[in-house]
């Protein structure tokens, strides 16, 4: 997959509670181990889901050659999600479990990374899209590595910033975390809009 395809998909994977969790864990007491465990859990779940979709997609593509109907259904659901997100923007709050992340353990961080990146609705849809795309175009599974690596690098970005800039990053990351808390609905709308563009491209391309 090309870089132009990978970057939007990777952004969709991490935008929302995924990246916010990475920031929280980077500001936790045991941030090095927590961040590493979080990224490792994410790597495992993304790889498993993309691989499963890929191998199932190879068999399915022998029976049906088009995903147009699926793309149309996804587009309608995304437009409905955009409307719902906007109408409930005043009620939008980060999940309550995020308050526990500053004192999280590596074990909890691993589970969180595995579940968020493997079972969050937008992430399921994205990983399935990658696996299906590769299978339907006869491309090798190894072509998904770029997507996975870029996604993990973005997830690891807060902790990498801490390693590189030390005290300066310690002052900046809490501010970034609070901004994302206050503007979570905006982040959600941007993510959904990216998906809408991708779905339109699949339908019209």
N, C-alpha and C. Protein backbone atom coordinates (compact mmCIF):
# COMPACT_ATOMS: atom_id res chain seq x y z
N UNK A 1 0.84 -1.19 0.00
CA UNK A 1 0.00 0.00 0.00
C UNK A 1 0.88 1.24 0.00
N UNK A 2 0.47 2.27 -0.74
CA UNK A 2 1.26 3.48 -0.84
C UNK A 2 1.14 4.32 0.42
N UNK A 3 2.08 5.25 0.59
CA UNK A 3 2.07 6.11 1.76
C UNK A 3 0.80 6.95 1.82
N UNK A 4 0.30 7.39 0.65
CA UNK A 4 -0.91 8.21 0.61
C UNK A 4 -2.13 7.42 1.08
N UNK A 5 -2.11 6.10 0.91
CA UNK A 5 -3.19 5.26 1.41
C UNK A 5 -3.02 4.96 2.89
N UNK A 6 -1.78 4.77 3.30
CA UNK A 6 -1.49 4.36 4.68
C UNK A 6 -1.77 5.48 5.68
N UNK A 7 -1.34 6.71 5.39
CA UNK A 7 -1.44 7.80 6.36
C UNK A 7 -2.88 8.08 6.82
N UNK A 8 -3.85 8.23 5.88
CA UNK A 8 -5.23 8.46 6.36
C UNK A 8 -5.76 7.30 7.19
N UNK A 9 -5.43 6.06 6.77
CA UNK A 9 -5.90 4.89 7.51
C UNK A 9 -5.30 4.86 8.91
N UNK A 10 -4.01 5.16 9.01
CA UNK A 10 -3.35 5.16 10.31
C UNK A 10 -3.94 6.25 11.21
N UNK A 11 -4.23 7.41 10.64
CA UNK A 11 -4.82 8.49 11.43
C UNK A 11 -6.19 8.10 11.96
N UNK A 12 -6.98 7.45 11.11
CA UNK A 12 -8.30 6.99 11.54
C UNK A 12 -8.18 6.00 12.69
N UNK A 13 -7.15 5.15 12.64
CA UNK A 13 -6.97 4.14 13.67
C UNK A 13 -6.73 4.76 15.05
N UNK A 14 -6.03 5.89 15.09
CA UNK A 14 -5.59 6.42 16.40
C UNK A 14 -6.38 7.63 16.88
N UNK A 15 -7.15 8.27 15.99
CA UNK A 15 -7.86 9.49 16.38
C UNK A 15 -8.99 9.15 17.35
N UNK A 16 -9.05 9.87 18.46
CA UNK A 16 -10.07 9.61 19.47
C UNK A 16 -9.44 9.07 20.74
N UNK A 17 -10.10 8.13 21.41
CA UNK A 17 -9.59 7.61 22.69
C UNK A 17 -8.27 6.87 22.56
N UNK A 18 -7.94 6.39 21.35
CA UNK A 18 -6.69 5.66 21.18
C UNK A 18 -5.48 6.57 21.43
N UNK A 19 -5.43 7.70 20.73
CA UNK A 19 -4.29 8.60 20.90
C UNK A 19 -4.35 9.29 22.26
N UNK A 20 -5.55 9.60 22.72
CA UNK A 20 -5.70 10.22 24.03
C UNK A 20 -5.19 9.28 25.12
N UNK A 21 -5.46 7.99 24.97
CA UNK A 21 -4.93 7.00 25.93
C UNK A 21 -3.41 6.96 25.90
N UNK A 22 -2.85 7.07 24.69
CA UNK A 22 -1.39 7.08 24.57
C UNK A 22 -0.79 8.27 25.31
N UNK A 23 -1.46 9.43 25.25
CA UNK A 23 -0.98 10.61 25.96
C UNK A 23 -1.09 10.41 27.47
N UNK A 24 -2.24 9.88 27.92
CA UNK A 24 -2.42 9.61 29.34
C UNK A 24 -1.33 8.67 29.86
N UNK A 25 -1.06 7.60 29.13
CA UNK A 25 -0.07 6.62 29.58
C UNK A 25 1.34 7.21 29.55
N UNK A 26 1.60 8.13 28.62
CA UNK A 26 2.91 8.78 28.57
C UNK A 26 3.13 9.72 29.75
N UNK A 27 2.02 10.11 30.40
CA UNK A 27 2.14 10.96 31.58
C UNK A 27 1.86 10.19 32.87
N UNK A 28 1.84 8.86 32.77
CA UNK A 28 1.60 8.03 33.96
C UNK A 28 2.90 7.81 34.73
N UNK A 29 2.78 7.20 35.91
CA UNK A 29 3.94 7.00 36.78
C UNK A 29 5.00 6.10 36.14
N UNK A 30 4.56 5.00 35.58
CA UNK A 30 5.48 4.03 34.96
C UNK A 30 5.35 4.12 33.45
N UNK A 31 5.57 5.32 32.88
CA UNK A 31 5.19 5.60 31.50
C UNK A 31 5.96 4.78 30.47
N UNK A 32 7.20 4.45 30.72
CA UNK A 32 7.97 3.69 29.72
C UNK A 32 7.37 2.30 29.51
N UNK A 33 7.15 1.57 30.59
CA UNK A 33 6.60 0.22 30.48
C UNK A 33 5.14 0.26 30.04
N UNK A 34 4.40 1.22 30.54
CA UNK A 34 2.99 1.33 30.15
C UNK A 34 2.83 1.62 28.66
N UNK A 35 3.60 2.56 28.16
CA UNK A 35 3.51 2.92 26.74
C UNK A 35 3.94 1.76 25.86
N UNK A 36 5.01 1.07 26.26
CA UNK A 36 5.49 -0.08 25.48
C UNK A 36 4.44 -1.19 25.46
N UNK A 37 3.82 -1.46 26.61
CA UNK A 37 2.79 -2.50 26.68
C UNK A 37 1.57 -2.13 25.86
N UNK A 38 1.19 -0.85 25.89
CA UNK A 38 0.04 -0.36 25.13
C UNK A 38 0.28 -0.55 23.63
N UNK A 39 1.45 -0.16 23.15
CA UNK A 39 1.77 -0.28 21.72
C UNK A 39 1.86 -1.75 21.32
N UNK A 40 2.43 -2.59 22.20
CA UNK A 40 2.54 -4.02 21.88
C UNK A 40 1.16 -4.66 21.77
N UNK A 41 0.26 -4.33 22.70
CA UNK A 41 -1.10 -4.86 22.63
C UNK A 41 -1.80 -4.42 21.36
N UNK A 42 -1.60 -3.15 20.97
CA UNK A 42 -2.20 -2.64 19.74
C UNK A 42 -1.64 -3.37 18.52
N UNK A 43 -0.33 -3.60 18.50
CA UNK A 43 0.31 -4.28 17.38
C UNK A 43 -0.26 -5.68 17.20
N UNK A 44 -0.46 -6.37 18.31
CA UNK A 44 -0.97 -7.74 18.25
C UNK A 44 -2.39 -7.77 17.69
N UNK A 45 -3.26 -6.91 18.20
CA UNK A 45 -4.66 -6.95 17.76
C UNK A 45 -4.83 -6.49 16.31
N UNK A 46 -4.09 -5.44 15.91
CA UNK A 46 -4.20 -4.96 14.53
C UNK A 46 -3.73 -6.04 13.56
N UNK A 47 -2.58 -6.65 13.87
CA UNK A 47 -2.02 -7.69 12.99
C UNK A 47 -2.96 -8.88 12.88
N UNK A 48 -3.55 -9.30 14.00
CA UNK A 48 -4.47 -10.44 13.97
C UNK A 48 -5.70 -10.14 13.13
N UNK A 49 -6.27 -8.96 13.30
CA UNK A 49 -7.50 -8.62 12.59
C UNK A 49 -7.26 -8.45 11.09
N UNK A 50 -6.17 -7.77 10.72
CA UNK A 50 -5.84 -7.61 9.30
C UNK A 50 -5.58 -8.97 8.66
N UNK A 51 -4.84 -9.83 9.35
CA UNK A 51 -4.50 -11.15 8.81
C UNK A 51 -5.74 -12.01 8.65
N UNK A 52 -6.61 -12.01 9.66
CA UNK A 52 -7.84 -12.80 9.59
C UNK A 52 -8.71 -12.35 8.43
N UNK A 53 -8.87 -11.04 8.29
CA UNK A 53 -9.68 -10.50 7.19
C UNK A 53 -9.06 -10.84 5.84
N UNK A 54 -7.75 -10.78 5.78
CA UNK A 54 -7.04 -11.07 4.53
C UNK A 54 -7.30 -12.51 4.07
N UNK A 55 -7.12 -13.46 4.98
CA UNK A 55 -7.28 -14.86 4.59
C UNK A 55 -8.74 -15.22 4.33
N UNK A 56 -9.67 -14.62 5.06
CA UNK A 56 -11.09 -14.83 4.77
C UNK A 56 -11.47 -14.17 3.45
N UNK A 57 -10.86 -13.03 3.18
CA UNK A 57 -11.17 -12.29 1.96
C UNK A 57 -10.74 -13.00 0.70
N UNK A 58 -9.65 -13.77 0.77
CA UNK A 58 -9.18 -14.51 -0.39
C UNK A 58 -10.26 -15.49 -0.85
N UNK A 59 -10.86 -16.21 0.11
CA UNK A 59 -11.93 -17.15 -0.24
C UNK A 59 -13.18 -16.45 -0.72
N UNK A 60 -13.52 -15.34 -0.07
CA UNK A 60 -14.74 -14.62 -0.44
C UNK A 60 -14.65 -14.04 -1.83
N UNK A 61 -13.47 -13.60 -2.23
CA UNK A 61 -13.32 -12.96 -3.53
C UNK A 61 -13.44 -13.95 -4.68
N UNK A 62 -13.36 -15.24 -4.39
CA UNK A 62 -13.60 -16.23 -5.43
C UNK A 62 -15.08 -16.33 -5.76
N UNK A 63 -15.93 -15.87 -4.82
CA UNK A 63 -17.36 -15.99 -5.02
C UNK A 63 -18.00 -14.65 -5.41
N UNK A 64 -17.39 -13.52 -5.01
CA UNK A 64 -17.97 -12.23 -5.35
C UNK A 64 -16.85 -11.24 -5.65
N UNK A 65 -17.03 -10.45 -6.71
CA UNK A 65 -15.97 -9.59 -7.17
C UNK A 65 -16.12 -8.14 -6.79
N UNK A 66 -17.20 -7.73 -6.12
CA UNK A 66 -17.40 -6.31 -5.86
C UNK A 66 -17.83 -6.06 -4.42
N UNK A 67 -17.31 -4.92 -3.87
CA UNK A 67 -17.68 -4.50 -2.52
C UNK A 67 -18.50 -3.23 -2.56
N UNK A 68 -19.14 -2.95 -3.71
CA UNK A 68 -19.88 -1.69 -3.87
C UNK A 68 -21.01 -1.57 -2.87
N UNK A 69 -21.78 -2.64 -2.69
CA UNK A 69 -22.92 -2.59 -1.76
C UNK A 69 -22.44 -2.32 -0.34
N UNK A 70 -21.35 -2.97 0.05
CA UNK A 70 -20.81 -2.78 1.39
C UNK A 70 -20.34 -1.33 1.57
N UNK A 71 -19.68 -0.79 0.56
CA UNK A 71 -19.19 0.59 0.64
C UNK A 71 -20.35 1.57 0.79
N UNK A 72 -21.48 1.29 0.09
CA UNK A 72 -22.64 2.17 0.16
C UNK A 72 -23.26 2.13 1.56
N UNK A 73 -23.34 0.94 2.15
CA UNK A 73 -23.89 0.80 3.49
C UNK A 73 -23.02 1.53 4.50
N UNK A 74 -21.71 1.34 4.37
CA UNK A 74 -20.77 2.01 5.27
C UNK A 74 -20.90 3.53 5.17
N UNK A 75 -21.07 4.04 3.95
CA UNK A 75 -21.19 5.49 3.74
C UNK A 75 -22.42 6.03 4.45
N UNK A 76 -23.55 5.33 4.34
CA UNK A 76 -24.78 5.77 4.99
C UNK A 76 -24.61 5.78 6.51
N UNK A 77 -23.98 4.74 7.05
CA UNK A 77 -23.76 4.67 8.49
C UNK A 77 -22.84 5.79 8.97
N UNK A 78 -21.83 6.10 8.17
CA UNK A 78 -20.91 7.17 8.55
C UNK A 78 -21.58 8.53 8.57
N UNK A 79 -22.42 8.80 7.57
CA UNK A 79 -23.14 10.07 7.53
C UNK A 79 -24.08 10.20 8.74
N UNK A 80 -24.73 9.08 9.10
CA UNK A 80 -25.59 9.10 10.28
C UNK A 80 -24.77 9.34 11.54
N UNK A 81 -23.57 8.76 11.58
CA UNK A 81 -22.69 8.95 12.75
C UNK A 81 -22.23 10.40 12.87
N UNK A 82 -21.98 11.05 11.72
CA UNK A 82 -21.58 12.46 11.74
C UNK A 82 -22.68 13.33 12.33
N UNK A 83 -23.91 13.07 11.90
CA UNK A 83 -25.04 13.85 12.40
C UNK A 83 -25.23 13.63 13.90
N UNK A 84 -25.15 12.37 14.32
CA UNK A 84 -25.32 12.04 15.74
C UNK A 84 -24.24 12.69 16.60
N UNK A 85 -22.98 12.64 16.13
CA UNK A 85 -21.87 13.24 16.87
C UNK A 85 -22.06 14.73 17.04
N UNK A 86 -22.52 15.39 15.98
CA UNK A 86 -22.71 16.84 16.05
C UNK A 86 -23.86 17.20 17.00
N UNK A 87 -24.97 16.46 16.92
CA UNK A 87 -26.14 16.77 17.75
C UNK A 87 -25.86 16.52 19.23
N UNK A 88 -24.95 15.61 19.53
CA UNK A 88 -24.66 15.28 20.93
C UNK A 88 -23.32 15.86 21.38
N UNK A 89 -22.83 16.87 20.66
CA UNK A 89 -21.50 17.42 20.96
C UNK A 89 -21.40 18.01 22.36
N UNK A 90 -22.51 18.58 22.88
CA UNK A 90 -22.47 19.17 24.22
C UNK A 90 -22.37 18.11 25.32
N UNK A 91 -22.80 16.88 24.97
CA UNK A 91 -22.78 15.79 25.94
C UNK A 91 -21.51 14.97 25.85
N UNK A 92 -20.67 15.30 24.85
CA UNK A 92 -19.49 14.49 24.59
C UNK A 92 -18.46 14.62 25.71
N UNK A 93 -18.09 13.49 26.28
CA UNK A 93 -17.09 13.45 27.34
C UNK A 93 -16.18 12.24 27.12
N UNK A 94 -14.92 12.34 27.53
CA UNK A 94 -14.05 11.17 27.42
C UNK A 94 -14.53 10.05 28.34
N UNK A 95 -14.26 8.79 27.97
CA UNK A 95 -14.68 7.67 28.81
C UNK A 95 -14.17 7.80 30.24
N UNK A 96 -14.96 7.33 31.21
CA UNK A 96 -14.59 7.45 32.63
C UNK A 96 -13.33 6.68 32.96
N UNK A 97 -13.09 5.56 32.22
CA UNK A 97 -11.92 4.75 32.55
C UNK A 97 -10.61 5.48 32.29
N UNK A 98 -10.65 6.57 31.53
CA UNK A 98 -9.42 7.29 31.24
C UNK A 98 -8.83 7.93 32.49
N UNK A 99 -9.67 8.19 33.47
CA UNK A 99 -9.17 8.75 34.72
C UNK A 99 -8.23 7.82 35.46
N UNK A 100 -8.27 6.51 35.12
CA UNK A 100 -7.43 5.52 35.80
C UNK A 100 -6.06 5.36 35.14
N UNK A 101 -5.88 5.98 33.98
CA UNK A 101 -4.67 5.70 33.21
C UNK A 101 -3.40 6.28 33.82
N UNK A 102 -3.52 7.35 34.60
CA UNK A 102 -2.32 7.94 35.19
C UNK A 102 -1.68 7.01 36.23
N UNK A 103 -2.46 6.06 36.74
CA UNK A 103 -1.91 5.08 37.69
C UNK A 103 -2.03 3.65 37.14
N UNK A 104 -2.03 3.53 35.82
CA UNK A 104 -2.21 2.23 35.18
C UNK A 104 -0.97 1.35 35.35
N UNK A 105 -1.18 0.05 35.20
CA UNK A 105 -0.08 -0.92 35.23
C UNK A 105 0.21 -1.37 33.80
N UNK A 106 1.40 -1.94 33.54
CA UNK A 106 1.71 -2.44 32.20
C UNK A 106 0.70 -3.49 31.72
N UNK A 107 0.23 -4.32 32.64
CA UNK A 107 -0.75 -5.34 32.24
C UNK A 107 -2.04 -4.70 31.76
N UNK A 108 -2.52 -3.69 32.50
CA UNK A 108 -3.72 -2.98 32.09
C UNK A 108 -3.49 -2.26 30.77
N UNK A 109 -2.32 -1.67 30.60
CA UNK A 109 -1.99 -0.94 29.37
C UNK A 109 -1.99 -1.87 28.16
N UNK A 110 -1.46 -3.07 28.34
CA UNK A 110 -1.46 -4.06 27.25
C UNK A 110 -2.89 -4.41 26.85
N UNK A 111 -3.73 -4.71 27.83
CA UNK A 111 -5.13 -5.04 27.54
C UNK A 111 -5.84 -3.89 26.84
N UNK A 112 -5.56 -2.68 27.31
CA UNK A 112 -6.20 -1.51 26.72
C UNK A 112 -5.79 -1.35 25.25
N UNK A 113 -4.50 -1.49 24.96
CA UNK A 113 -4.04 -1.38 23.58
C UNK A 113 -4.65 -2.45 22.70
N UNK A 114 -4.73 -3.68 23.23
CA UNK A 114 -5.29 -4.80 22.45
C UNK A 114 -6.77 -4.56 22.16
N UNK A 115 -7.53 -4.14 23.17
CA UNK A 115 -8.97 -3.97 23.00
C UNK A 115 -9.33 -2.72 22.21
N UNK A 116 -8.65 -1.60 22.49
CA UNK A 116 -8.98 -0.36 21.78
C UNK A 116 -8.71 -0.46 20.29
N UNK A 117 -7.55 -1.00 19.93
CA UNK A 117 -7.17 -1.06 18.52
C UNK A 117 -7.73 -2.28 17.80
N UNK A 118 -8.25 -3.24 18.57
CA UNK A 118 -8.79 -4.43 17.94
C UNK A 118 -10.29 -4.52 17.94
N UNK A 119 -10.96 -3.80 18.87
CA UNK A 119 -12.41 -3.94 19.00
C UNK A 119 -13.18 -2.62 18.94
N UNK A 120 -12.48 -1.50 18.83
CA UNK A 120 -13.15 -0.22 18.67
C UNK A 120 -13.76 -0.19 17.27
N UNK A 121 -15.04 0.23 17.13
CA UNK A 121 -15.72 0.12 15.83
C UNK A 121 -14.95 0.68 14.63
N UNK A 122 -14.43 1.90 14.74
CA UNK A 122 -13.71 2.48 13.60
C UNK A 122 -12.43 1.71 13.29
N UNK A 123 -11.79 1.16 14.33
CA UNK A 123 -10.56 0.41 14.11
C UNK A 123 -10.85 -0.94 13.46
N UNK A 124 -11.94 -1.57 13.86
CA UNK A 124 -12.34 -2.82 13.21
C UNK A 124 -12.57 -2.57 11.72
N UNK A 125 -13.31 -1.51 11.42
CA UNK A 125 -13.64 -1.18 10.04
C UNK A 125 -12.37 -0.90 9.23
N UNK A 126 -11.43 -0.20 9.82
CA UNK A 126 -10.19 0.15 9.11
C UNK A 126 -9.33 -1.08 8.86
N UNK A 127 -9.14 -1.90 9.87
CA UNK A 127 -8.33 -3.11 9.71
C UNK A 127 -8.96 -4.06 8.71
N UNK A 128 -10.28 -4.18 8.76
CA UNK A 128 -10.99 -5.02 7.79
C UNK A 128 -10.83 -4.46 6.39
N UNK A 129 -10.88 -3.14 6.26
CA UNK A 129 -10.71 -2.51 4.95
C UNK A 129 -9.32 -2.81 4.37
N UNK A 130 -8.30 -2.76 5.22
CA UNK A 130 -6.93 -3.03 4.76
C UNK A 130 -6.80 -4.48 4.31
N UNK A 131 -7.25 -5.42 5.16
CA UNK A 131 -7.17 -6.83 4.80
C UNK A 131 -7.96 -7.16 3.56
N UNK A 132 -9.15 -6.60 3.42
CA UNK A 132 -10.00 -6.85 2.26
C UNK A 132 -9.39 -6.27 0.99
N UNK A 133 -8.82 -5.06 1.12
CA UNK A 133 -8.19 -4.41 -0.04
C UNK A 133 -7.05 -5.25 -0.59
N UNK A 134 -6.20 -5.73 0.29
CA UNK A 134 -5.07 -6.53 -0.15
C UNK A 134 -5.53 -7.85 -0.79
N UNK A 135 -6.52 -8.49 -0.15
CA UNK A 135 -7.01 -9.76 -0.68
C UNK A 135 -7.68 -9.59 -2.03
N UNK A 136 -8.51 -8.55 -2.17
CA UNK A 136 -9.26 -8.36 -3.41
C UNK A 136 -8.37 -7.95 -4.57
N UNK A 137 -7.21 -7.36 -4.27
CA UNK A 137 -6.29 -6.94 -5.33
C UNK A 137 -5.13 -7.92 -5.53
N UNK A 138 -5.19 -9.06 -4.85
CA UNK A 138 -4.16 -10.07 -5.03
C UNK A 138 -2.80 -9.67 -4.53
N UNK A 139 -2.76 -8.78 -3.53
CA UNK A 139 -1.50 -8.30 -2.97
C UNK A 139 -1.10 -9.14 -1.76
N UNK A 140 0.20 -9.24 -1.46
CA UNK A 140 0.64 -10.05 -0.31
C UNK A 140 0.29 -9.38 1.02
N UNK A 141 0.13 -10.19 2.04
CA UNK A 141 -0.19 -9.69 3.38
C UNK A 141 0.90 -8.75 3.90
N UNK A 142 2.13 -8.96 3.45
CA UNK A 142 3.24 -8.12 3.92
C UNK A 142 3.05 -6.65 3.53
N UNK A 143 2.19 -6.37 2.55
CA UNK A 143 1.92 -4.99 2.16
C UNK A 143 1.18 -4.22 3.25
N UNK A 144 0.65 -4.94 4.24
CA UNK A 144 -0.04 -4.27 5.35
C UNK A 144 0.93 -3.76 6.41
N UNK A 145 2.20 -4.16 6.32
CA UNK A 145 3.17 -3.80 7.36
C UNK A 145 3.36 -2.29 7.46
N UNK A 146 3.33 -1.60 6.32
CA UNK A 146 3.49 -0.14 6.35
C UNK A 146 2.38 0.52 7.15
N UNK A 147 1.14 0.07 6.91
CA UNK A 147 -0.02 0.58 7.65
C UNK A 147 0.13 0.32 9.14
N UNK A 148 0.53 -0.89 9.51
CA UNK A 148 0.66 -1.26 10.93
C UNK A 148 1.78 -0.46 11.59
N UNK A 149 2.92 -0.35 10.93
CA UNK A 149 4.06 0.36 11.51
C UNK A 149 3.75 1.84 11.70
N UNK A 150 3.14 2.48 10.70
CA UNK A 150 2.81 3.91 10.82
C UNK A 150 1.81 4.13 11.96
N UNK A 151 0.81 3.25 12.07
CA UNK A 151 -0.17 3.35 13.15
C UNK A 151 0.51 3.26 14.52
N UNK A 152 1.42 2.30 14.65
CA UNK A 152 2.12 2.11 15.93
C UNK A 152 3.06 3.27 16.25
N UNK A 153 3.69 3.83 15.23
CA UNK A 153 4.57 4.97 15.45
C UNK A 153 3.79 6.18 15.96
N UNK A 154 2.58 6.39 15.42
CA UNK A 154 1.76 7.51 15.90
C UNK A 154 1.32 7.26 17.33
N UNK A 155 0.96 6.02 17.64
CA UNK A 155 0.58 5.68 19.02
C UNK A 155 1.75 5.89 19.99
N UNK A 156 2.94 5.60 19.51
CA UNK A 156 4.13 5.73 20.36
C UNK A 156 4.65 7.17 20.41
N UNK A 157 4.08 8.05 19.60
CA UNK A 157 4.60 9.41 19.48
C UNK A 157 4.71 10.15 20.81
N UNK A 158 3.67 10.13 21.69
CA UNK A 158 3.81 10.85 22.97
C UNK A 158 5.00 10.39 23.79
N UNK A 159 5.22 9.07 23.88
CA UNK A 159 6.35 8.58 24.66
C UNK A 159 7.68 8.88 23.97
N UNK A 160 7.69 8.87 22.62
CA UNK A 160 8.91 9.22 21.90
C UNK A 160 9.26 10.69 22.10
N UNK A 161 8.23 11.53 22.17
CA UNK A 161 8.45 12.96 22.44
C UNK A 161 9.06 13.14 23.83
N UNK A 162 8.55 12.37 24.79
CA UNK A 162 9.11 12.43 26.15
C UNK A 162 10.58 12.03 26.17
N UNK A 163 10.90 10.97 25.45
CA UNK A 163 12.28 10.51 25.40
C UNK A 163 13.20 11.56 24.76
N UNK A 164 12.67 12.25 23.75
CA UNK A 164 13.49 13.20 23.01
C UNK A 164 13.63 14.56 23.71
N UNK A 165 12.54 15.03 24.34
CA UNK A 165 12.53 16.40 24.86
C UNK A 165 12.42 16.51 26.38
N UNK A 166 12.22 15.40 27.05
CA UNK A 166 12.26 15.40 28.51
C UNK A 166 11.30 16.36 29.18
N UNK A 167 11.82 17.31 29.95
CA UNK A 167 11.01 18.22 30.76
C UNK A 167 10.06 19.08 29.91
N UNK A 168 10.52 19.50 28.74
CA UNK A 168 9.64 20.31 27.89
C UNK A 168 8.39 19.53 27.50
N UNK A 169 8.58 18.26 27.18
CA UNK A 169 7.44 17.41 26.80
C UNK A 169 6.53 17.16 27.99
N UNK A 170 7.10 17.05 29.18
CA UNK A 170 6.29 16.82 30.38
C UNK A 170 5.34 17.99 30.63
N UNK A 171 5.73 19.19 30.24
CA UNK A 171 4.86 20.35 30.39
C UNK A 171 3.83 20.44 29.28
N UNK A 172 4.19 19.96 28.09
CA UNK A 172 3.30 20.09 26.93
C UNK A 172 2.22 19.03 26.87
N UNK A 173 2.56 17.79 27.17
CA UNK A 173 1.61 16.68 27.00
C UNK A 173 0.33 16.83 27.81
N UNK A 174 0.37 17.27 29.08
CA UNK A 174 -0.91 17.46 29.79
C UNK A 174 -1.81 18.49 29.12
N UNK A 175 -1.21 19.53 28.51
CA UNK A 175 -2.01 20.53 27.80
C UNK A 175 -2.68 19.91 26.56
N UNK A 176 -1.92 19.08 25.86
CA UNK A 176 -2.48 18.39 24.69
C UNK A 176 -3.61 17.46 25.10
N UNK A 177 -3.41 16.79 26.23
CA UNK A 177 -4.44 15.88 26.74
C UNK A 177 -5.72 16.62 27.07
N UNK A 178 -5.61 17.79 27.70
CA UNK A 178 -6.80 18.57 28.06
C UNK A 178 -7.50 19.13 26.83
N UNK A 179 -6.72 19.52 25.82
CA UNK A 179 -7.35 20.02 24.59
C UNK A 179 -8.17 18.94 23.92
N UNK A 180 -7.62 17.73 23.86
CA UNK A 180 -8.35 16.62 23.23
C UNK A 180 -9.56 16.24 24.06
N UNK A 181 -9.47 16.37 25.38
CA UNK A 181 -10.63 16.14 26.24
C UNK A 181 -11.75 17.10 25.90
N UNK A 182 -11.40 18.39 25.76
CA UNK A 182 -12.41 19.43 25.53
C UNK A 182 -12.95 19.42 24.11
N UNK A 183 -12.20 18.83 23.18
CA UNK A 183 -12.61 18.87 21.76
C UNK A 183 -12.77 17.47 21.18
N UNK A 184 -13.17 16.53 22.01
CA UNK A 184 -13.27 15.15 21.55
C UNK A 184 -14.27 14.99 20.40
N UNK A 185 -15.35 15.78 20.41
CA UNK A 185 -16.34 15.65 19.34
C UNK A 185 -15.77 16.13 18.01
N UNK A 186 -14.90 17.14 18.05
CA UNK A 186 -14.27 17.63 16.82
C UNK A 186 -13.37 16.55 16.23
N UNK A 187 -12.60 15.90 17.10
CA UNK A 187 -11.73 14.81 16.65
C UNK A 187 -12.56 13.70 16.01
N UNK A 188 -13.69 13.37 16.63
CA UNK A 188 -14.55 12.32 16.09
C UNK A 188 -15.08 12.69 14.71
N UNK A 189 -15.48 13.95 14.54
CA UNK A 189 -16.01 14.40 13.25
C UNK A 189 -14.94 14.32 12.17
N UNK A 190 -13.70 14.68 12.50
CA UNK A 190 -12.62 14.62 11.53
C UNK A 190 -12.38 13.17 11.09
N UNK A 191 -12.39 12.26 12.07
CA UNK A 191 -12.19 10.84 11.77
C UNK A 191 -13.28 10.33 10.84
N UNK A 192 -14.52 10.62 11.18
CA UNK A 192 -15.65 10.15 10.37
C UNK A 192 -15.58 10.74 8.97
N UNK A 193 -15.20 12.02 8.87
CA UNK A 193 -15.10 12.68 7.56
C UNK A 193 -14.06 12.00 6.68
N UNK A 194 -12.95 11.57 7.29
CA UNK A 194 -11.94 10.83 6.53
C UNK A 194 -12.52 9.53 5.98
N UNK A 195 -13.30 8.84 6.81
CA UNK A 195 -13.93 7.61 6.36
C UNK A 195 -14.92 7.87 5.23
N UNK A 196 -15.67 8.97 5.33
CA UNK A 196 -16.62 9.32 4.27
C UNK A 196 -15.87 9.51 2.95
N UNK A 197 -14.75 10.23 2.99
CA UNK A 197 -13.96 10.42 1.78
C UNK A 197 -13.46 9.12 1.21
N UNK A 198 -13.01 8.22 2.09
CA UNK A 198 -12.52 6.92 1.62
C UNK A 198 -13.64 6.08 1.00
N UNK A 199 -14.83 6.15 1.62
CA UNK A 199 -15.97 5.38 1.09
C UNK A 199 -16.41 5.92 -0.25
N UNK A 200 -16.44 7.25 -0.39
CA UNK A 200 -16.79 7.84 -1.69
C UNK A 200 -15.78 7.47 -2.77
N UNK A 201 -14.51 7.42 -2.36
CA UNK A 201 -13.47 7.02 -3.32
C UNK A 201 -13.66 5.58 -3.79
N UNK A 202 -14.08 4.71 -2.85
CA UNK A 202 -14.33 3.31 -3.22
C UNK A 202 -15.53 3.19 -4.16
N UNK A 203 -16.55 4.02 -3.91
CA UNK A 203 -17.75 3.95 -4.74
C UNK A 203 -17.55 4.54 -6.13
N UNK A 204 -16.80 5.63 -6.18
CA UNK A 204 -16.66 6.36 -7.45
C UNK A 204 -15.39 5.99 -8.20
N UNK A 205 -14.45 5.38 -7.49
CA UNK A 205 -13.17 5.07 -8.13
C UNK A 205 -13.23 3.83 -9.01
